[in-house]
C-alpha atoms as a PDB file:
ATOM      1  CA  MET A   1      85.009 -65.026  -7.765  1.00  0.00           C
ATOM      2  CA  ASN A   2      84.572 -67.900 -10.378  1.00  0.00           C
ATOM      3  CA  ILE A   3      87.551 -68.336 -12.642  1.00  0.00           C
ATOM      4  CA  ASP A   4      85.934 -70.015 -15.316  1.00  0.00           C
ATOM      5  CA  ARG A   5      83.914 -66.969 -15.817  1.00  0.00           C
ATOM      6  CA  ILE A   6      86.745 -64.886 -15.471  1.00  0.00           C
ATOM      7  CA  ASN A   7      88.554 -66.730 -18.290  1.00  0.00           C
ATOM      8  CA  MET A   8      85.058 -66.667 -20.419  1.00  0.00           C
ATOM      9  CA  PHE A   9      85.054 -62.442 -19.708  1.00  0.00           C
ATOM     10  CA  LEU A  10      88.521 -62.145 -20.817  1.00  0.00           C
ATOM     11  CA  ALA A  11      88.019 -64.591 -24.193  1.00  0.00           C
ATOM     12  CA  VAL A  12      84.895 -62.107 -25.232  1.00  0.00           C
ATOM     13  CA  CYS A  13      87.311 -59.451 -24.979  1.00  0.00           C
ATOM     14  CA  ILE A  14      89.774 -61.142 -26.899  1.00  0.00           C
ATOM     15  CA  HIS A  15      87.957 -62.950 -29.560  1.00  0.00           C
ATOM     16  CA  GLY A  16      85.115 -59.958 -29.901  1.00  0.00           C
ATOM     17  CA  SER A  17      82.571 -62.303 -29.743  1.00  0.00           C
ATOM     18  CA  ILE A  18      80.638 -64.915 -27.544  1.00  0.00           C
ATOM     19  CA  SER A  19      80.807 -67.858 -30.530  1.00  0.00           C
ATOM     20  CA  ARG A  20      84.685 -67.472 -30.988  1.00  0.00           C
ATOM     21  CA  ALA A  21      85.320 -67.380 -27.275  1.00  0.00           C
ATOM     22  CA  ALA A  22      83.194 -70.194 -27.077  1.00  0.00           C
ATOM     23  CA  GLU A  23      85.636 -71.962 -29.822  1.00  0.00           C
ATOM     24  CA  ALA A  24      88.705 -70.844 -28.233  1.00  0.00           C
ATOM     25  CA  LEU A  25      87.418 -72.528 -24.887  1.00  0.00           C
ATOM     26  CA  TYR A  26      86.293 -75.595 -26.155  1.00  0.00           C
ATOM     27  CA  ILE A  27      82.767 -74.844 -24.570  1.00  0.00           C
ATOM     28  CA  SER A  28      79.454 -74.095 -25.887  1.00  0.00           C
ATOM     29  CA  GLN A  29      78.039 -70.871 -26.682  1.00  0.00           C
ATOM     30  CA  PRO A  30      75.240 -71.060 -24.033  1.00  0.00           C
ATOM     31  CA  ALA A  31      77.688 -71.815 -21.494  1.00  0.00           C
ATOM     32  CA  VAL A  32      79.883 -68.558 -22.187  1.00  0.00           C
ATOM     33  CA  SER A  33      76.264 -66.463 -22.353  1.00  0.00           C
ATOM     34  CA  GLN A  34      75.609 -67.892 -19.051  1.00  0.00           C
ATOM     35  CA  GLY A  35      79.117 -67.230 -17.612  1.00  0.00           C
ATOM     36  CA  ILE A  36      79.195 -63.799 -18.640  1.00  0.00           C
ATOM     37  CA  LYS A  37      75.323 -62.998 -17.274  1.00  0.00           C
ATOM     38  CA  GLU A  38      76.607 -64.548 -13.593  1.00  0.00           C
ATOM     39  CA  LEU A  39      79.814 -62.465 -13.904  1.00  0.00           C
ATOM     40  CA  GLU A  40      77.555 -59.331 -14.435  1.00  0.00           C
ATOM     41  CA  LEU A  41      75.465 -60.023 -11.728  1.00  0.00           C
ATOM     42  CA  GLU A  42      78.472 -60.519  -9.378  1.00  0.00           C
ATOM     43  CA  LEU A  43      79.931 -57.340 -10.304  1.00  0.00           C
ATOM     44  CA  ASN A  44      76.843 -55.855 -10.499  1.00  0.00           C
ATOM     45  CA  VAL A  45      77.323 -54.190 -13.935  1.00  0.00           C
ATOM     46  CA  THR A  46      76.974 -54.148 -17.606  1.00  0.00           C
ATOM     47  CA  LEU A  47      80.170 -56.003 -19.022  1.00  0.00           C
ATOM     48  CA  PHE A  48      79.499 -55.996 -23.071  1.00  0.00           C
ATOM     49  CA  GLN A  49      76.889 -54.359 -25.116  1.00  0.00           C
ATOM     50  CA  ARG A  50      75.209 -56.448 -27.584  1.00  0.00           C
ATOM     51  CA  SER A  51      73.701 -55.304 -31.117  1.00  0.00           C
ATOM     52  CA  GLY A  52      72.913 -58.098 -33.097  1.00  0.00           C
ATOM     53  CA  ARG A  53      76.210 -60.125 -33.712  1.00  0.00           C
ATOM     54  CA  THR A  54      78.307 -57.473 -32.388  1.00  0.00           C
ATOM     55  CA  ILE A  55      79.248 -57.274 -28.502  1.00  0.00           C
ATOM     56  CA  LYS A  56      81.492 -54.615 -27.480  1.00  0.00           C
ATOM     57  CA  PRO A  57      83.311 -54.384 -23.940  1.00  0.00           C
ATOM     58  CA  THR A  58      81.925 -51.250 -21.904  1.00  0.00           C
ATOM     59  CA  GLN A  59      84.376 -49.005 -20.003  1.00  0.00           C
ATOM     60  CA  GLU A  60      82.965 -51.022 -16.497  1.00  0.00           C
ATOM     61  CA  ALA A  61      84.467 -54.025 -18.872  1.00  0.00           C
ATOM     62  CA  LEU A  62      87.560 -52.474 -19.648  1.00  0.00           C
ATOM     63  CA  GLN A  63      88.384 -50.862 -16.289  1.00  0.00           C
ATOM     64  CA  PHE A  64      87.821 -54.574 -14.915  1.00  0.00           C
ATOM     65  CA  TYR A  65      90.095 -56.456 -17.668  1.00  0.00           C
ATOM     66  CA  PRO A  66      93.353 -55.858 -15.996  1.00  0.00           C
ATOM     67  CA  TYR A  67      92.135 -57.293 -12.451  1.00  0.00           C
ATOM     68  CA  ALA A  68      90.789 -59.871 -14.390  1.00  0.00           C
ATOM     69  CA  GLN A  69      94.368 -60.816 -16.021  1.00  0.00           C
ATOM     70  CA  ALA A  70      95.740 -60.120 -12.456  1.00  0.00           C
ATOM     71  CA  LEU A  71      93.276 -62.750 -11.012  1.00  0.00           C
ATOM     72  CA  ILE A  72      93.993 -65.478 -13.724  1.00  0.00           C
ATOM     73  CA  GLN A  73      98.203 -64.899 -13.630  1.00  0.00           C
ATOM     74  CA  ALA A  74      97.753 -65.542  -9.623  1.00  0.00           C
ATOM     75  CA  ASN A  75      95.753 -68.773 -10.171  1.00  0.00           C
ATOM     76  CA  GLU A  76      98.092 -69.986 -12.957  1.00  0.00           C
ATOM     77  CA  ARG A  77     101.101 -69.117 -10.276  1.00  0.00           C
ATOM     78  CA  ALA A  78      99.703 -70.412  -7.470  1.00  0.00           C
ATOM     79  CA  LEU A  79      98.413 -74.149  -9.513  1.00  0.00           C
ATOM     80  CA  SER A  80     102.496 -74.029 -11.039  1.00  0.00           C
ATOM     81  CA  VAL A  81     103.528 -74.182  -6.891  1.00  0.00           C
ATOM     82  CA  PHE A  82     101.663 -76.960  -6.282  1.00  0.00           C
ATOM     83  CA  LYS A  83     100.598 -78.808  -9.445  1.00  0.00           C
ATOM     84  CA  PRO A  84     103.850 -77.824 -11.515  1.00  0.00           C
ATOM     85  CA  ASP A  85     103.570 -77.763 -15.178  1.00  0.00           C
ATOM     86  CA  THR A  86     106.956 -79.161 -17.244  1.00  0.00           C
ATOM     87  CA  SER A  87     105.676 -78.119 -20.642  1.00  0.00           C
ATOM     88  CA  LEU A  88     106.820 -74.547 -22.249  1.00  0.00           C
ATOM     89  CA  PRO A  89     104.585 -72.041 -22.771  1.00  0.00           C
ATOM     90  CA  VAL A  90     103.671 -71.607 -26.972  1.00  0.00           C
ATOM     91  CA  LEU A  91     103.756 -68.104 -28.458  1.00  0.00           C
ATOM     92  CA  ARG A  92     102.360 -67.998 -31.485  1.00  0.00           C
ATOM     93  CA  VAL A  93     104.563 -65.682 -33.738  1.00  0.00           C
ATOM     94  CA  GLY A  94     104.187 -64.037 -37.047  1.00  0.00           C
ATOM     95  CA  CYS A  95     106.459 -62.197 -39.619  1.00  0.00           C
ATOM     96  CA  THR A  96     106.563 -60.803 -43.045  1.00  0.00           C
ATOM     97  CA  VAL A  97     109.027 -62.661 -45.148  1.00  0.00           C
ATOM     98  CA  THR A  98     112.135 -59.758 -45.562  1.00  0.00           C
ATOM     99  CA  ILE A  99     112.011 -59.623 -41.684  1.00  0.00           C
ATOM    100  CA  ALA A 100     111.935 -63.560 -41.428  1.00  0.00           C
ATOM    101  CA  THR A 101     114.692 -63.472 -43.362  1.00  0.00           C
ATOM    102  CA  TYR A 102     117.333 -60.985 -42.529  1.00  0.00           C
ATOM    103  CA  MET A 103     116.197 -60.464 -38.668  1.00  0.00           C
ATOM    104  CA  LEU A 104     113.868 -62.878 -37.088  1.00  0.00           C
ATOM    105  CA  PRO A 105     116.865 -66.326 -36.790  1.00  0.00           C
ATOM    106  CA  GLU A 106     118.729 -63.742 -34.588  1.00  0.00           C
ATOM    107  CA  ILE A 107     115.917 -62.305 -32.894  1.00  0.00           C
ATOM    108  CA  ILE A 108     114.794 -65.488 -32.184  1.00  0.00           C
ATOM    109  CA  THR A 109     118.019 -66.845 -30.636  1.00  0.00           C
ATOM    110  CA  HIS A 110     118.474 -63.688 -28.388  1.00  0.00           C
ATOM    111  CA  PHE A 111     114.806 -64.281 -27.409  1.00  0.00           C
ATOM    112  CA  GLU A 112     115.034 -67.884 -26.982  1.00  0.00           C
ATOM    113  CA  THR A 113     118.483 -67.256 -24.367  1.00  0.00           C
ATOM    114  CA  LEU A 114     116.176 -65.145 -22.052  1.00  0.00           C
ATOM    115  CA  HIS A 115     112.814 -66.928 -22.137  1.00  0.00           C
ATOM    116  CA  HIS A 116     112.015 -70.411 -21.616  1.00  0.00           C
ATOM    117  CA  VAL A 117     108.928 -70.180 -24.348  1.00  0.00           C
ATOM    118  CA  LYS A 118     108.398 -72.320 -27.205  1.00  0.00           C
ATOM    119  CA  LEU A 119     107.953 -70.368 -30.588  1.00  0.00           C
ATOM    120  CA  GLN A 120     105.805 -71.258 -33.442  1.00  0.00           C
ATOM    121  CA  ILE A 121     106.528 -69.019 -36.804  1.00  0.00           C
ATOM    122  CA  THR A 122     104.364 -67.906 -39.755  1.00  0.00           C
ATOM    123  CA  VAL A 123     105.659 -66.419 -42.384  1.00  0.00           C
ATOM    124  CA  ASN A 124     103.458 -64.608 -44.764  1.00  0.00           C
ATOM    125  CA  ASN A 125     102.632 -61.082 -46.574  1.00  0.00           C
ATOM    126  CA  VAL A 126     101.573 -58.161 -44.070  1.00  0.00           C
ATOM    127  CA  ALA A 127      98.127 -58.405 -44.767  1.00  0.00           C
ATOM    128  CA  THR A 128      97.729 -62.104 -44.017  1.00  0.00           C
ATOM    129  CA  ILE A 129      99.895 -61.725 -41.119  1.00  0.00           C
ATOM    130  CA  LYS A 130      97.475 -58.804 -39.744  1.00  0.00           C
ATOM    131  CA  GLU A 131      94.390 -60.862 -40.338  1.00  0.00           C
ATOM    132  CA  SER A 132      95.629 -63.747 -38.288  1.00  0.00           C
ATOM    133  CA  VAL A 133      96.569 -61.694 -35.304  1.00  0.00           C
ATOM    134  CA  ILE A 134      93.217 -60.077 -35.560  1.00  0.00           C
ATOM    135  CA  SER A 135      91.450 -63.425 -35.527  1.00  0.00           C
ATOM    136  CA  ASN A 136      94.221 -64.708 -32.680  1.00  0.00           C
ATOM    137  CA  ASN A 137      95.694 -67.136 -34.671  1.00  0.00           C
ATOM    138  CA  LEU A 138      98.852 -65.582 -33.809  1.00  0.00           C
ATOM    139  CA  ASP A 139      99.669 -64.118 -30.628  1.00  0.00           C
ATOM    140  CA  VAL A 140     102.328 -61.230 -31.820  1.00  0.00           C
ATOM    141  CA  ALA A 141     103.754 -60.264 -34.932  1.00  0.00           C
ATOM    142  CA  LEU A 142     106.621 -58.546 -36.554  1.00  0.00           C
ATOM    143  CA  ILE A 143     105.810 -56.525 -39.552  1.00  0.00           C
ATOM    144  CA  GLU A 144     106.671 -53.695 -41.764  1.00  0.00           C
ATOM    145  CA  GLY A 145     104.289 -50.569 -41.940  1.00  0.00           C
ATOM    146  CA  VAL A 146     102.060 -49.109 -39.726  1.00  0.00           C
ATOM    147  CA  PRO A 147      98.280 -50.773 -39.378  1.00  0.00           C
ATOM    148  CA  ASP A 148      95.144 -48.890 -39.666  1.00  0.00           C
ATOM    149  CA  ASN A 149      93.503 -51.156 -37.263  1.00  0.00           C
ATOM    150  CA  ASN A 150      92.468 -50.019 -33.930  1.00  0.00           C
ATOM    151  CA  THR A 151      91.796 -53.541 -32.369  1.00  0.00           C
ATOM    152  CA  LEU A 152      95.335 -54.095 -32.835  1.00  0.00           C
ATOM    153  CA  SER A 153      98.279 -52.321 -30.639  1.00  0.00           C
ATOM    154  CA  TYR A 154     101.301 -51.446 -32.585  1.00  0.00           C
ATOM    155  CA  SER A 155     104.644 -50.837 -30.992  1.00  0.00           C
ATOM    156  CA  ARG A 156     107.585 -48.774 -33.589  1.00  0.00           C
ATOM    157  CA  VAL A 157     110.903 -51.267 -32.604  1.00  0.00           C
ATOM    158  CA  GLY A 158     113.296 -50.051 -35.886  1.00  0.00           C
ATOM    159  CA  THR A 159     113.063 -49.369 -39.656  1.00  0.00           C
ATOM    160  CA  LEU A 160     114.186 -50.431 -42.505  1.00  0.00           C
ATOM    161  CA  ASP A 161     115.626 -48.433 -45.495  1.00  0.00           C
ATOM    162  CA  LEU A 162     114.011 -49.085 -49.048  1.00  0.00           C
ATOM    163  CA  VAL A 163     115.584 -48.005 -52.606  1.00  0.00           C
ATOM    164  CA  TYR A 164     114.357 -48.622 -55.835  1.00  0.00           C
ATOM    165  CA  VAL A 165     117.232 -50.685 -57.867  1.00  0.00           C
ATOM    166  CA  ALA A 166     117.416 -52.043 -61.367  1.00  0.00           C
ATOM    167  CA  ASN A 167     119.753 -53.866 -63.634  1.00  0.00           C
ATOM    168  CA  PRO A 168     122.516 -51.600 -64.870  1.00  0.00           C
ATOM    169  CA  ARG A 169     122.151 -52.644 -68.504  1.00  0.00           C
ATOM    170  CA  TYR A 170     118.610 -52.443 -68.406  1.00  0.00           C
ATOM    171  CA  LEU A 171     118.979 -48.495 -67.371  1.00  0.00           C
ATOM    172  CA  GLU A 172     121.383 -48.138 -70.242  1.00  0.00           C
ATOM    173  CA  ASN A 173     119.354 -49.377 -72.821  1.00  0.00           C
ATOM    174  CA  ARG A 174     115.758 -48.014 -71.475  1.00  0.00           C
ATOM    175  CA  LYS A 175     113.970 -46.523 -73.967  1.00  0.00           C
ATOM    176  CA  GLY A 176     110.323 -44.680 -73.071  1.00  0.00           C
ATOM    177  CA  GLN A 177     108.458 -45.887 -70.263  1.00  0.00           C
ATOM    178  CA  TYR A 178     110.324 -47.332 -66.941  1.00  0.00           C
ATOM    179  CA  LEU A 179     109.067 -51.088 -66.830  1.00  0.00           C
ATOM    180  CA  LEU A 180     107.984 -51.230 -63.075  1.00  0.00           C
ATOM    181  CA  LEU A 181     108.136 -54.601 -61.101  1.00  0.00           C
ATOM    182  CA  THR A 182     105.888 -53.866 -57.911  1.00  0.00           C
ATOM    183  CA  ARG A 183     104.396 -56.091 -54.985  1.00  0.00           C
ATOM    184  CA  GLU A 184     100.764 -56.430 -55.260  1.00  0.00           C
ATOM    185  CA  ILE A 185      98.001 -53.985 -53.906  1.00  0.00           C
ATOM    186  CA  GLY A 186      97.445 -53.661 -50.012  1.00  0.00           C
ATOM    187  CA  SER A 187     101.310 -54.612 -49.800  1.00  0.00           C
ATOM    188  CA  SER A 188     102.915 -52.075 -47.672  1.00  0.00           C
ATOM    189  CA  TYR A 189     105.792 -51.956 -50.354  1.00  0.00           C
ATOM    190  CA  ARG A 190     103.031 -51.058 -52.936  1.00  0.00           C
ATOM    191  CA  LYS A 191     102.895 -47.483 -51.720  1.00  0.00           C
ATOM    192  CA  TYR A 192     106.077 -46.283 -52.718  1.00  0.00           C
ATOM    193  CA  MET A 193     105.771 -47.641 -56.495  1.00  0.00           C
ATOM    194  CA  ASP A 194     102.496 -45.998 -56.524  1.00  0.00           C
ATOM    195  CA  ARG A 195     104.460 -42.881 -56.230  1.00  0.00           C
ATOM    196  CA  ILE A 196     105.827 -43.291 -59.440  1.00  0.00           C
ATOM    197  CA  ILE A 197     103.129 -45.037 -61.076  1.00  0.00           C
ATOM    198  CA  TYR A 198     101.102 -41.866 -60.627  1.00  0.00           C
ATOM    199  CA  ASP A 199     103.802 -39.381 -61.211  1.00  0.00           C
ATOM    200  CA  ASP A 200     102.675 -37.613 -64.203  1.00  0.00           C
ATOM    201  CA  THR A 201     106.482 -36.396 -64.574  1.00  0.00           C
ATOM    202  CA  ILE A 202     107.757 -39.990 -65.027  1.00  0.00           C
ATOM    203  CA  GLU A 203     106.545 -42.034 -67.956  1.00  0.00           C
ATOM    204  CA  SER A 204     106.116 -45.626 -66.239  1.00  0.00           C
ATOM    205  CA  ILE A 205     104.264 -49.107 -66.895  1.00  0.00           C
ATOM    206  CA  VAL A 206     103.907 -51.694 -64.557  1.00  0.00           C
ATOM    207  CA  SER A 207     105.151 -54.688 -65.889  1.00  0.00           C
ATOM    208  CA  TRP A 208     105.264 -57.290 -62.931  1.00  0.00           C
ATOM    209  CA  THR A 209     103.224 -58.106 -60.095  1.00  0.00           C
ATOM    210  CA  ALA A 210     104.156 -60.423 -57.233  1.00  0.00           C
ATOM    211  CA  ASN A 211     103.148 -61.072 -53.835  1.00  0.00           C
ATOM    212  CA  ASN A 212     106.949 -61.321 -52.338  1.00  0.00           C
ATOM    213  CA  ASN A 213     110.177 -59.385 -52.634  1.00  0.00           C
ATOM    214  CA  GLU A 214     112.425 -62.217 -53.844  1.00  0.00           C
ATOM    215  CA  THR A 215     110.421 -63.040 -57.534  1.00  0.00           C
ATOM    216  CA  LEU A 216     110.972 -58.851 -57.640  1.00  0.00           C
ATOM    217  CA  LEU A 217     114.850 -59.161 -56.867  1.00  0.00           C
ATOM    218  CA  HIS A 218     115.192 -61.576 -59.123  1.00  0.00           C
ATOM    219  CA  ALA A 219     112.939 -59.818 -62.073  1.00  0.00           C
ATOM    220  CA  ALA A 220     115.498 -56.417 -61.211  1.00  0.00           C
ATOM    221  CA  ILE A 221     118.587 -58.494 -61.335  1.00  0.00           C
ATOM    222  CA  GLY A 222     117.576 -60.438 -64.919  1.00  0.00           C
ATOM    223  CA  GLY A 223     117.270 -56.740 -66.513  1.00  0.00           C
ATOM    224  CA  HIS A 224     113.123 -56.951 -66.237  1.00  0.00           C
ATOM    225  CA  GLY A 225     112.463 -53.431 -64.877  1.00  0.00           C
ATOM    226  CA  VAL A 226     112.527 -51.033 -61.164  1.00  0.00           C
ATOM    227  CA  ALA A 227     111.996 -52.676 -58.251  1.00  0.00           C
ATOM    228  CA  VAL A 228     111.386 -51.307 -55.110  1.00  0.00           C
ATOM    229  CA  LEU A 229     113.186 -53.368 -52.497  1.00  0.00           C
ATOM    230  CA  PRO A 230     114.880 -53.374 -49.097  1.00  0.00           C
ATOM    231  CA  ARG A 231     118.423 -52.187 -49.232  1.00  0.00           C
ATOM    232  CA  ILE A 232     119.379 -55.137 -46.662  1.00  0.00           C
ATOM    233  CA  ALA A 233     118.157 -57.379 -49.215  1.00  0.00           C
ATOM    234  CA  VAL A 234     120.166 -55.794 -52.396  1.00  0.00           C
ATOM    235  CA  ALA A 235     123.530 -54.252 -50.796  1.00  0.00           C
ATOM    236  CA  ASP A 236     125.479 -57.089 -52.015  1.00  0.00           C
ATOM    237  CA  TYR A 237     124.470 -57.016 -55.400  1.00  0.00           C
ATOM    238  CA  ILE A 238     124.676 -53.246 -55.714  1.00  0.00           C
ATOM    239  CA  GLN A 239     128.480 -53.413 -53.855  1.00  0.00           C
ATOM    240  CA  LYS A 240     129.271 -56.036 -56.926  1.00  0.00           C
ATOM    241  CA  GLY A 241     127.438 -53.780 -59.856  1.00  0.00           C
ATOM    242  CA  ILE A 242     124.690 -55.906 -60.506  1.00  0.00           C
ATOM    243  CA  LEU A 243     122.005 -53.795 -59.322  1.00  0.00           C
ATOM    244  CA  ASP A 244     121.985 -49.537 -59.142  1.00  0.00           C
ATOM    245  CA  VAL A 245     120.136 -47.319 -56.856  1.00  0.00           C
ATOM    246  CA  VAL A 246     117.423 -45.634 -59.327  1.00  0.00           C
ATOM    247  CA  VAL A 247     116.673 -42.220 -57.982  1.00  0.00           C
ATOM    248  CA  PHE A 248     113.498 -40.577 -59.238  1.00  0.00           C
ATOM    249  CA  HIS A 249     112.872 -37.891 -56.523  1.00  0.00           C
ATOM    250  CA  TYR A 250     114.575 -39.565 -54.086  1.00  0.00           C
ATOM    251  CA  ALA A 251     117.134 -42.512 -53.588  1.00  0.00           C
ATOM    252  CA  THR A 252     115.950 -44.307 -50.088  1.00  0.00           C
ATOM    253  CA  PHE A 253     113.519 -44.121 -47.621  1.00  0.00           C
ATOM    254  CA  THR A 254     112.610 -45.962 -44.692  1.00  0.00           C
ATOM    255  CA  GLU A 255     109.849 -48.336 -43.464  1.00  0.00           C
ATOM    256  CA  GLU A 256     108.864 -49.046 -40.227  1.00  0.00           C
ATOM    257  CA  ILE A 257     109.185 -52.044 -38.277  1.00  0.00           C
ATOM    258  CA  GLY A 258     106.846 -53.193 -35.542  1.00  0.00           C
ATOM    259  CA  THR A 259     105.059 -55.551 -33.548  1.00  0.00           C
ATOM    260  CA  ILE A 260     101.204 -55.957 -33.484  1.00  0.00           C
ATOM    261  CA  ASN A 261      99.087 -57.875 -31.004  1.00  0.00           C
ATOM    262  CA  ASN A 262      95.746 -57.858 -30.249  1.00  0.00           C
ATOM    263  CA  ALA A 263      95.213 -54.655 -28.118  1.00  0.00           C
ATOM    264  CA  PHE A 264      93.437 -56.745 -25.126  1.00  0.00           C
ATOM    265  CA  ARG A 265      96.296 -58.521 -24.863  1.00  0.00           C
ATOM    266  CA  THR A 266      99.314 -56.056 -24.882  1.00  0.00           C
ATOM    267  CA  HIS A 267     100.302 -56.538 -20.870  1.00  0.00           C
ATOM    268  CA  GLU A 268     100.304 -60.528 -21.143  1.00  0.00           C
ATOM    269  CA  THR A 269     103.702 -61.373 -19.567  1.00  0.00           C
ATOM    270  CA  ILE A 270     104.768 -63.564 -22.637  1.00  0.00           C
ATOM    271  CA  ILE A 271     103.629 -60.953 -25.423  1.00  0.00           C
ATOM    272  CA  LYS A 272     105.473 -57.871 -23.483  1.00  0.00           C
ATOM    273  CA  ALA A 273     108.785 -60.234 -22.956  1.00  0.00           C
ATOM    274  CA  PHE A 274     108.795 -60.785 -27.328  1.00  0.00           C
ATOM    275  CA  VAL A 275     108.033 -57.076 -27.737  1.00  0.00           C
ATOM    276  CA  ASP A 276     110.285 -55.966 -25.331  1.00  0.00           C
ATOM    277  CA  THR A 277     113.357 -58.067 -26.588  1.00  0.00           C
ATOM    278  CA  VAL A 278     112.769 -57.306 -30.078  1.00  0.00           C
ATOM    279  CA  THR A 279     112.779 -53.237 -29.302  1.00  0.00           C
ATOM    280  CA  HIS A 280     116.301 -53.869 -27.439  1.00  0.00           C
ATOM    281  CA  PHE A 281     117.751 -55.893 -29.490  1.00  0.00           C
ATOM    282  CA  LEU A 282     116.944 -53.802 -32.725  1.00  0.00           C
ATOM    283  CA  GLN A 283     117.929 -50.327 -30.867  1.00  0.00           C
END
């Protein structure tokens, strides 16, 4: 069975299109299309359903996928015996800002002590990180919140406590509406502030909107309103009396932390090792 055709098949599954698979493999689209056709003839099955520009793996493709992965891995192991590669494999890891600030450095140190892998780290908001994983610009990512995209594989690895906080002086002098310091629409944190925005029993107005928690933290410290932030980010400020926890209907709530990756890549050794390491580290 031709290894190049197997690689083409895996690339189409992972990237979801002939054109993106061709880009990833640095070959032409016709070459990928022809390789898939030849593999279908060899297996005597249809591997992809084509409708316009969309392409979806058939049930036979899903059955063949783990065998294709095993063939590639066996080929790589054989080559490594007779043609060793001294360079380290690269894992592109995405991470949201809060996790990167308070958790990721220790996770990376722990992972690198167990695995000889070169890590490339990208830090951004949840929406951008998810899109990068979907488009295969990242191999795996650590995010807050549960994704709603069925092309992603999600593994829950822990939780993050969140709290509403404000400067004590702001709370003492507040008159009328609460001024809300909130994340942008689409952020996993926004839904917790929306609870206040749409609560008819609480008078409030959005005062600040930012795309990162650091801005909201300093705005809250400066007395500009109420923010919802990870407890891990504000614990010292609460202890020192710089911030107070604001209790609406609840004081503390949790946000899930999990890893995401392309659903077709869940069983790749390097991705599985990272997910397992993060899970054990956080638990």
